[in-house]
Amino acid sequence: EFSGGQRQRVAIARALITRPQLIVADEPVSALDVS
């Protein structure tokens, strides 16, 4: 039900929920439109 950019926001929210000090982001925007 979400666009690609919104899905990546969900993925970031999942990574953020434990309040981590380090996030490893592997090509986090390469699959998204430039805008």
All heavy atoms as atom14 arrays in JSON, in Angstrom:
{
  "sequence": "EFSGGQRQRVAIARALITRPQLIVADEPVSALDVS",
  "atom14_mask": [
    [1, 1, 1, 1, 1, 1, 1, 1, 1, 0, 0, 0, 0, 0],
    [1, 1, 1, 1, 1, 1, 1, 1, 1, 1, 1, 0, 0, 0],
    [1, 1, 1, 1, 1, 1, 0, 0, 0, 0, 0, 0, 0, 0],
    [1, 1, 1, 1, 0, 0, 0, 0, 0, 0, 0, 0, 0, 0],
    [1, 1, 1, 1, 0, 0, 0, 0, 0, 0, 0, 0, 0, 0],
    [1, 1, 1, 1, 1, 1, 1, 1, 1, 0, 0, 0, 0, 0],
    [1, 1, 1, 1, 1, 1, 1, 1, 1, 1, 1, 0, 0, 0],
    [1, 1, 1, 1, 1, 1, 1, 1, 1, 0, 0, 0, 0, 0],
    [1, 1, 1, 1, 1, 1, 1, 1, 1, 1, 1, 0, 0, 0],
    [1, 1, 1, 1, 1, 1, 1, 0, 0, 0, 0, 0, 0, 0],
    [1, 1, 1, 1, 1, 0, 0, 0, 0, 0, 0, 0, 0, 0],
    [1, 1, 1, 1, 1, 1, 1, 1, 0, 0, 0, 0, 0, 0],
    [1, 1, 1, 1, 1, 0, 0, 0, 0, 0, 0, 0, 0, 0],
    [1, 1, 1, 1, 1, 1, 1, 1, 1, 1, 1, 0, 0, 0],
    [1, 1, 1, 1, 1, 0, 0, 0, 0, 0, 0, 0, 0, 0],
    [1, 1, 1, 1, 1, 1, 1, 1, 0, 0, 0, 0, 0, 0],
    [1, 1, 1, 1, 1, 1, 1, 1, 0, 0, 0, 0, 0, 0],
    [1, 1, 1, 1, 1, 1, 1, 0, 0, 0, 0, 0, 0, 0],
    [1, 1, 1, 1, 1, 1, 1, 1, 1, 1, 1, 0, 0, 0],
    [1, 1, 1, 1, 1, 1, 1, 0, 0, 0, 0, 0, 0, 0],
    [1, 1, 1, 1, 1, 1, 1, 1, 1, 0, 0, 0, 0, 0],
    [1, 1, 1, 1, 1, 1, 1, 1, 0, 0, 0, 0, 0, 0],
    [1, 1, 1, 1, 1, 1, 1, 1, 0, 0, 0, 0, 0, 0],
    [1, 1, 1, 1, 1, 1, 1, 0, 0, 0, 0, 0, 0, 0],
    [1, 1, 1, 1, 1, 0, 0, 0, 0, 0, 0, 0, 0, 0],
    [1, 1, 1, 1, 1, 1, 1, 1, 0, 0, 0, 0, 0, 0],
    [1, 1, 1, 1, 1, 1, 1, 1, 1, 0, 0, 0, 0, 0],
    [1, 1, 1, 1, 1, 1, 1, 0, 0, 0, 0, 0, 0, 0],
    [1, 1, 1, 1, 1, 1, 1, 0, 0, 0, 0, 0, 0, 0],
    [1, 1, 1, 1, 1, 1, 0, 0, 0, 0, 0, 0, 0, 0],
    [1, 1, 1, 1, 1, 0, 0, 0, 0, 0, 0, 0, 0, 0],
    [1, 1, 1, 1, 1, 1, 1, 1, 0, 0, 0, 0, 0, 0],
    [1, 1, 1, 1, 1, 1, 1, 1, 0, 0, 0, 0, 0, 0],
    [1, 1, 1, 1, 1, 1, 1, 0, 0, 0, 0, 0, 0, 0],
    [1, 1, 1, 1, 1, 1, 0, 0, 0, 0, 0, 0, 0, 0]
  ],
  "atom14_positions": [
    [[0.81, -1.21, 0.0], [0.0, 0.0, 0.0], [0.85, 1.28, 0.0], [0.29, 2.37, 0.03], [-0.94, 0.01, 1.21], [-1.91, -1.17, 1.25], [-2.81, -1.14, 2.47], [-3.65, -0.22, 2.56], [-2.65, -2.02, 3.35], [0.0, 0.0, 0.0], [0.0, 0.0, 0.0], [0.0, 0.0, 0.0], [0.0, 0.0, 0.0], [0.0, 0.0, 0.0]],
    [[2.18, 1.12, -0.06], [3.07, 2.27, 0.01], [3.89, 2.4, -1.27], [4.12, 1.42, -1.98], [4.03, 2.12, 1.2], [3.36, 2.13, 2.54], [2.96, 0.94, 3.13], [3.12, 3.31, 3.2], [2.34, 0.93, 4.36], [2.5, 3.31, 4.45], [2.1, 2.12, 5.02], [0.0, 0.0, 0.0], [0.0, 0.0, 0.0], [0.0, 0.0, 0.0]],
    [[4.36, 3.61, -1.51], [5.32, 3.84, -2.61], [6.71, 3.37, -2.18], [6.94, 3.02, -1.01], [5.36, 5.33, -2.95], [5.91, 6.07, -1.86], [0.0, 0.0, 0.0], [0.0, 0.0, 0.0], [0.0, 0.0, 0.0], [0.0, 0.0, 0.0], [0.0, 0.0, 0.0], [0.0, 0.0, 0.0], [0.0, 0.0, 0.0], [0.0, 0.0, 0.0]],
    [[7.66, 3.38, -3.13], [9.01, 2.95, -2.82], [9.66, 3.8, -1.74], [10.31, 3.27, -0.81], [0.0, 0.0, 0.0], [0.0, 0.0, 0.0], [0.0, 0.0, 0.0], [0.0, 0.0, 0.0], [0.0, 0.0, 0.0], [0.0, 0.0, 0.0], [0.0, 0.0, 0.0], [0.0, 0.0, 0.0], [0.0, 0.0, 0.0], [0.0, 0.0, 0.0]],
    [[9.49, 5.12, -1.83], [10.06, 6.0, -0.82], [9.45, 5.79, 0.55], [10.15, 5.82, 1.57], [0.0, 0.0, 0.0], [0.0, 0.0, 0.0], [0.0, 0.0, 0.0], [0.0, 0.0, 0.0], [0.0, 0.0, 0.0], [0.0, 0.0, 0.0], [0.0, 0.0, 0.0], [0.0, 0.0, 0.0], [0.0, 0.0, 0.0], [0.0, 0.0, 0.0]],
    [[8.14, 5.55, 0.59], [7.48, 5.29, 1.86], [7.93, 3.96, 2.46], [8.09, 3.84, 3.68], [5.96, 5.3, 1.66], [5.38, 6.67, 1.38], [3.9, 6.62, 1.03], [3.44, 5.69, 0.36], [3.15, 7.6, 1.48], [0.0, 0.0, 0.0], [0.0, 0.0, 0.0], [0.0, 0.0, 0.0], [0.0, 0.0, 0.0], [0.0, 0.0, 0.0]],
    [[8.15, 2.96, 1.61], [8.63, 1.67, 2.11], [10.01, 1.83, 2.74], [10.3, 1.21, 3.77], [8.7, 0.65, 0.97], [7.36, 0.21, 0.45], [7.53, -0.96, -0.49], [6.31, -1.22, -1.25], [6.08, -2.33, -1.92], [6.97, -3.29, -1.92], [4.95, -2.48, -2.59], [0.0, 0.0, 0.0], [0.0, 0.0, 0.0], [0.0, 0.0, 0.0]],
    [[10.86, 2.65, 2.12], [12.18, 2.83, 2.71], [12.07, 3.59, 4.03], [12.86, 3.35, 4.95], [13.09, 3.58, 1.74], [14.58, 3.46, 2.05], [15.1, 2.04, 1.96], [14.64, 1.15, 2.67], [16.08, 1.83, 1.12], [0.0, 0.0, 0.0], [0.0, 0.0, 0.0], [0.0, 0.0, 0.0], [0.0, 0.0, 0.0], [0.0, 0.0, 0.0]],
    [[11.1, 4.45, 4.17], [10.86, 5.11, 5.45], [10.43, 4.09, 6.51], [10.83, 4.19, 7.68], [9.79, 6.2, 5.3], [10.27, 7.43, 4.55], [9.12, 8.39, 4.27], [9.58, 9.53, 3.48], [9.92, 10.71, 3.99], [9.85, 10.92, 5.29], [10.32, 11.69, 3.2], [0.0, 0.0, 0.0], [0.0, 0.0, 0.0], [0.0, 0.0, 0.0]],
    [[9.62, 3.12, 6.1], [9.24, 2.04, 7.02], [10.48, 1.26, 7.45], [10.65, 0.92, 8.63], [8.2, 1.11, 6.38], [7.95, -0.12, 7.26], [6.89, 1.85, 6.13], [0.0, 0.0, 0.0], [0.0, 0.0, 0.0], [0.0, 0.0, 0.0], [0.0, 0.0, 0.0], [0.0, 0.0, 0.0], [0.0, 0.0, 0.0], [0.0, 0.0, 0.0]],
    [[11.35, 0.96, 6.49], [12.58, 0.23, 6.8], [13.46, 1.02, 7.76], [14.08, 0.44, 8.67], [13.34, -0.09, 5.51], [0.0, 0.0, 0.0], [0.0, 0.0, 0.0], [0.0, 0.0, 0.0], [0.0, 0.0, 0.0], [0.0, 0.0, 0.0], [0.0, 0.0, 0.0], [0.0, 0.0, 0.0], [0.0, 0.0, 0.0], [0.0, 0.0, 0.0]],
    [[13.53, 2.32, 7.58], [14.32, 3.17, 8.48], [13.68, 3.19, 9.86], [14.37, 3.15, 10.89], [14.46, 4.59, 7.89], [15.32, 4.54, 6.62], [15.09, 5.54, 8.91], [15.35, 5.85, 5.86], [0.0, 0.0, 0.0], [0.0, 0.0, 0.0], [0.0, 0.0, 0.0], [0.0, 0.0, 0.0], [0.0, 0.0, 0.0], [0.0, 0.0, 0.0]],
    [[12.35, 3.25, 9.9], [11.65, 3.22, 11.19], [11.95, 1.92, 11.94], [12.15, 1.92, 13.16], [10.15, 3.38, 10.97], [0.0, 0.0, 0.0], [0.0, 0.0, 0.0], [0.0, 0.0, 0.0], [0.0, 0.0, 0.0], [0.0, 0.0, 0.0], [0.0, 0.0, 0.0], [0.0, 0.0, 0.0], [0.0, 0.0, 0.0], [0.0, 0.0, 0.0]],
    [[11.96, 0.8, 11.21], [12.28, -0.49, 11.84], [13.69, -0.47, 12.43], [13.93, -0.98, 13.53], [12.17, -1.62, 10.8], [12.56, -2.98, 11.33], [12.36, -4.07, 10.3], [13.11, -3.83, 9.08], [13.03, -4.57, 7.99], [12.19, -5.61, 7.96], [13.74, -4.29, 6.92], [0.0, 0.0, 0.0], [0.0, 0.0, 0.0], [0.0, 0.0, 0.0]],
    [[14.64, 0.13, 11.7], [16.01, 0.2, 12.2], [16.13, 1.15, 13.39], [16.98, 0.97, 14.26], [16.94, 0.66, 11.07], [0.0, 0.0, 0.0], [0.0, 0.0, 0.0], [0.0, 0.0, 0.0], [0.0, 0.0, 0.0], [0.0, 0.0, 0.0], [0.0, 0.0, 0.0], [0.0, 0.0, 0.0], [0.0, 0.0, 0.0], [0.0, 0.0, 0.0]],
    [[15.25, 2.15, 13.44], [15.36, 3.2, 14.45], [14.7, 2.84, 15.76], [15.0, 3.44, 16.8], [14.74, 4.48, 13.89], [15.01, 5.8, 14.59], [16.48, 6.16, 14.5], [14.15, 6.89, 13.97], [0.0, 0.0, 0.0], [0.0, 0.0, 0.0], [0.0, 0.0, 0.0], [0.0, 0.0, 0.0], [0.0, 0.0, 0.0], [0.0, 0.0, 0.0]],
    [[13.82, 1.86, 15.77], [12.95, 1.64, 16.93], [13.71, 1.21, 18.18], [13.26, 1.47, 19.31], [11.83, 0.63, 16.59], [10.71, 0.74, 17.63], [12.39, -0.8, 16.49], [9.43, 0.06, 17.22], [0.0, 0.0, 0.0], [0.0, 0.0, 0.0], [0.0, 0.0, 0.0], [0.0, 0.0, 0.0], [0.0, 0.0, 0.0], [0.0, 0.0, 0.0]],
    [[14.86, 0.59, 18.04], [15.64, 0.2, 19.23], [16.57, 1.32, 19.7], [17.35, 1.11, 20.61], [16.49, -1.05, 18.94], [17.44, -0.75, 17.91], [15.62, -2.23, 18.52], [0.0, 0.0, 0.0], [0.0, 0.0, 0.0], [0.0, 0.0, 0.0], [0.0, 0.0, 0.0], [0.0, 0.0, 0.0], [0.0, 0.0, 0.0], [0.0, 0.0, 0.0]],
    [[16.46, 2.49, 19.05], [17.33, 3.63, 19.34], [18.81, 3.24, 19.22], [19.6, 3.42, 20.15], [17.06, 4.2, 20.74], [15.66, 4.76, 20.93], [15.41, 5.95, 20.01], [14.17, 6.66, 20.33], [12.99, 6.39, 19.81], [12.89, 5.41, 18.92], [11.91, 7.08, 20.15], [0.0, 0.0, 0.0], [0.0, 0.0, 0.0], [0.0, 0.0, 0.0]],
    [[19.21, 2.7, 18.05], [20.6, 2.25, 17.89], [21.56, 3.43, 17.8], [21.18, 4.54, 17.44], [20.55, 1.49, 16.56], [19.49, 2.2, 15.78], [18.44, 2.57, 16.81], [0.0, 0.0, 0.0], [0.0, 0.0, 0.0], [0.0, 0.0, 0.0], [0.0, 0.0, 0.0], [0.0, 0.0, 0.0], [0.0, 0.0, 0.0], [0.0, 0.0, 0.0]],
    [[22.81, 3.17, 18.11], [23.84, 4.19, 17.94], [24.44, 4.12, 16.54], [24.96, 5.12, 16.04], [24.93, 4.01, 19.0], [24.41, 4.21, 20.42], [25.52, 4.32, 21.43], [26.53, 4.97, 21.2], [25.36, 3.66, 22.56], [0.0, 0.0, 0.0], [0.0, 0.0, 0.0], [0.0, 0.0, 0.0], [0.0, 0.0, 0.0], [0.0, 0.0, 0.0]],
    [[24.38, 2.94, 15.91], [24.94, 2.75, 14.57], [23.89, 2.14, 13.66], [23.24, 1.16, 14.02], [26.16, 1.83, 14.63], [26.77, 1.39, 13.29], [27.4, 2.58, 12.56], [27.8, 0.28, 13.5], [0.0, 0.0, 0.0], [0.0, 0.0, 0.0], [0.0, 0.0, 0.0], [0.0, 0.0, 0.0], [0.0, 0.0, 0.0], [0.0, 0.0, 0.0]],
    [[23.71, 2.73, 12.48], [22.88, 2.13, 11.43], [23.76, 1.91, 10.21], [24.38, 2.85, 9.7], [21.68, 3.02, 11.07], [20.65, 3.02, 12.2], [21.02, 2.54, 9.78], [19.4, 3.84, 11.92], [0.0, 0.0, 0.0], [0.0, 0.0, 0.0], [0.0, 0.0, 0.0], [0.0, 0.0, 0.0], [0.0, 0.0, 0.0], [0.0, 0.0, 0.0]],
    [[23.81, 0.67, 9.76], [24.52, 0.31, 8.52], [23.51, 0.4, 7.4], [22.51, -0.35, 7.38], [25.13, -1.09, 8.61], [25.82, -1.45, 7.29], [26.13, -1.17, 9.76], [0.0, 0.0, 0.0], [0.0, 0.0, 0.0], [0.0, 0.0, 0.0], [0.0, 0.0, 0.0], [0.0, 0.0, 0.0], [0.0, 0.0, 0.0], [0.0, 0.0, 0.0]],
    [[23.73, 1.32, 6.47], [22.78, 1.54, 5.36], [23.45, 1.1, 4.06], [24.39, 1.75, 3.6], [22.38, 3.01, 5.3], [0.0, 0.0, 0.0], [0.0, 0.0, 0.0], [0.0, 0.0, 0.0], [0.0, 0.0, 0.0], [0.0, 0.0, 0.0], [0.0, 0.0, 0.0], [0.0, 0.0, 0.0], [0.0, 0.0, 0.0], [0.0, 0.0, 0.0]],
    [[22.96, 0.0, 3.48], [23.55, -0.56, 2.27], [22.77, -0.07, 1.06], [21.66, -0.54, 0.78], [23.52, -2.09, 2.33], [24.27, -2.74, 1.17], [24.85, -2.0, 0.35], [24.28, -3.98, 1.1], [0.0, 0.0, 0.0], [0.0, 0.0, 0.0], [0.0, 0.0, 0.0], [0.0, 0.0, 0.0], [0.0, 0.0, 0.0], [0.0, 0.0, 0.0]],
    [[23.32, 0.92, 0.35], [22.67, 1.51, -0.84], [21.21, 1.86, -0.53], [20.28, 1.41, -1.22], [22.73, 0.53, -2.02], [24.13, 0.12, -2.45], [24.76, 1.15, -3.39], [24.21, 2.25, -3.54], [25.82, 0.84, -3.96], [0.0, 0.0, 0.0], [0.0, 0.0, 0.0], [0.0, 0.0, 0.0], [0.0, 0.0, 0.0], [0.0, 0.0, 0.0]],
    [[20.95, 2.68, 0.48], [19.57, 2.88, 0.93], [18.68, 3.65, -0.05], [17.45, 3.62, 0.1], [19.75, 3.68, 2.23], [21.04, 4.41, 2.04], [21.91, 3.46, 1.27], [0.0, 0.0, 0.0], [0.0, 0.0, 0.0], [0.0, 0.0, 0.0], [0.0, 0.0, 0.0], [0.0, 0.0, 0.0], [0.0, 0.0, 0.0], [0.0, 0.0, 0.0]],
    [[19.26, 4.35, -1.03], [18.43, 5.14, -1.94], [18.61, 4.75, -3.4], [17.99, 5.34, -4.28], [18.7, 6.66, -1.78], [18.36, 7.12, -0.38], [20.15, 7.0, -2.12], [0.0, 0.0, 0.0], [0.0, 0.0, 0.0], [0.0, 0.0, 0.0], [0.0, 0.0, 0.0], [0.0, 0.0, 0.0], [0.0, 0.0, 0.0], [0.0, 0.0, 0.0]],
    [[19.43, 3.76, -3.69], [19.75, 3.44, -5.08], [18.55, 2.9, -5.86], [18.48, 3.03, -7.08], [20.9, 2.44, -5.15], [20.52, 1.2, -4.56], [0.0, 0.0, 0.0], [0.0, 0.0, 0.0], [0.0, 0.0, 0.0], [0.0, 0.0, 0.0], [0.0, 0.0, 0.0], [0.0, 0.0, 0.0], [0.0, 0.0, 0.0], [0.0, 0.0, 0.0]],
    [[17.57, 2.3, -5.16], [16.4, 1.74, -5.85], [15.26, 2.75, -5.98], [14.19, 2.4, -6.47], [15.91, 0.5, -5.1], [0.0, 0.0, 0.0], [0.0, 0.0, 0.0], [0.0, 0.0, 0.0], [0.0, 0.0, 0.0], [0.0, 0.0, 0.0], [0.0, 0.0, 0.0], [0.0, 0.0, 0.0], [0.0, 0.0, 0.0], [0.0, 0.0, 0.0]],
    [[15.51, 4.0, -5.55], [14.45, 5.0, -5.54], [14.64, 6.02, -6.66], [15.75, 6.23, -7.15], [14.44, 5.74, -4.19], [14.33, 4.86, -2.94], [14.41, 5.73, -1.7], [13.05, 4.05, -2.96], [0.0, 0.0, 0.0], [0.0, 0.0, 0.0], [0.0, 0.0, 0.0], [0.0, 0.0, 0.0], [0.0, 0.0, 0.0], [0.0, 0.0, 0.0]],
    [[13.54, 6.66, -7.06], [13.62, 7.75, -8.02], [14.46, 8.89, -7.44], [14.53, 9.07, -6.22], [12.23, 8.28, -8.36], [11.39, 7.26, -9.11], [11.99, 6.36, -9.72], [10.16, 7.36, -9.08], [0.0, 0.0, 0.0], [0.0, 0.0, 0.0], [0.0, 0.0, 0.0], [0.0, 0.0, 0.0], [0.0, 0.0, 0.0], [0.0, 0.0, 0.0]],
    [[15.08, 9.67, -8.33], [15.98, 10.73, -7.89], [15.26, 11.72, -6.97], [15.82, 12.15, -5.95], [16.57, 11.47, -9.11], [17.38, 12.67, -8.67], [17.44, 10.52, -9.93], [0.0, 0.0, 0.0], [0.0, 0.0, 0.0], [0.0, 0.0, 0.0], [0.0, 0.0, 0.0], [0.0, 0.0, 0.0], [0.0, 0.0, 0.0], [0.0, 0.0, 0.0]],
    [[14.04, 12.07, -7.28], [13.3, 13.03, -6.46], [13.04, 12.48, -5.06], [13.03, 13.23, -4.08], [11.97, 13.4, -7.14], [11.18, 12.24, -7.33], [0.0, 0.0, 0.0], [0.0, 0.0, 0.0], [0.0, 0.0, 0.0], [0.0, 0.0, 0.0], [0.0, 0.0, 0.0], [0.0, 0.0, 0.0], [0.0, 0.0, 0.0], [0.0, 0.0, 0.0]]
  ]
}
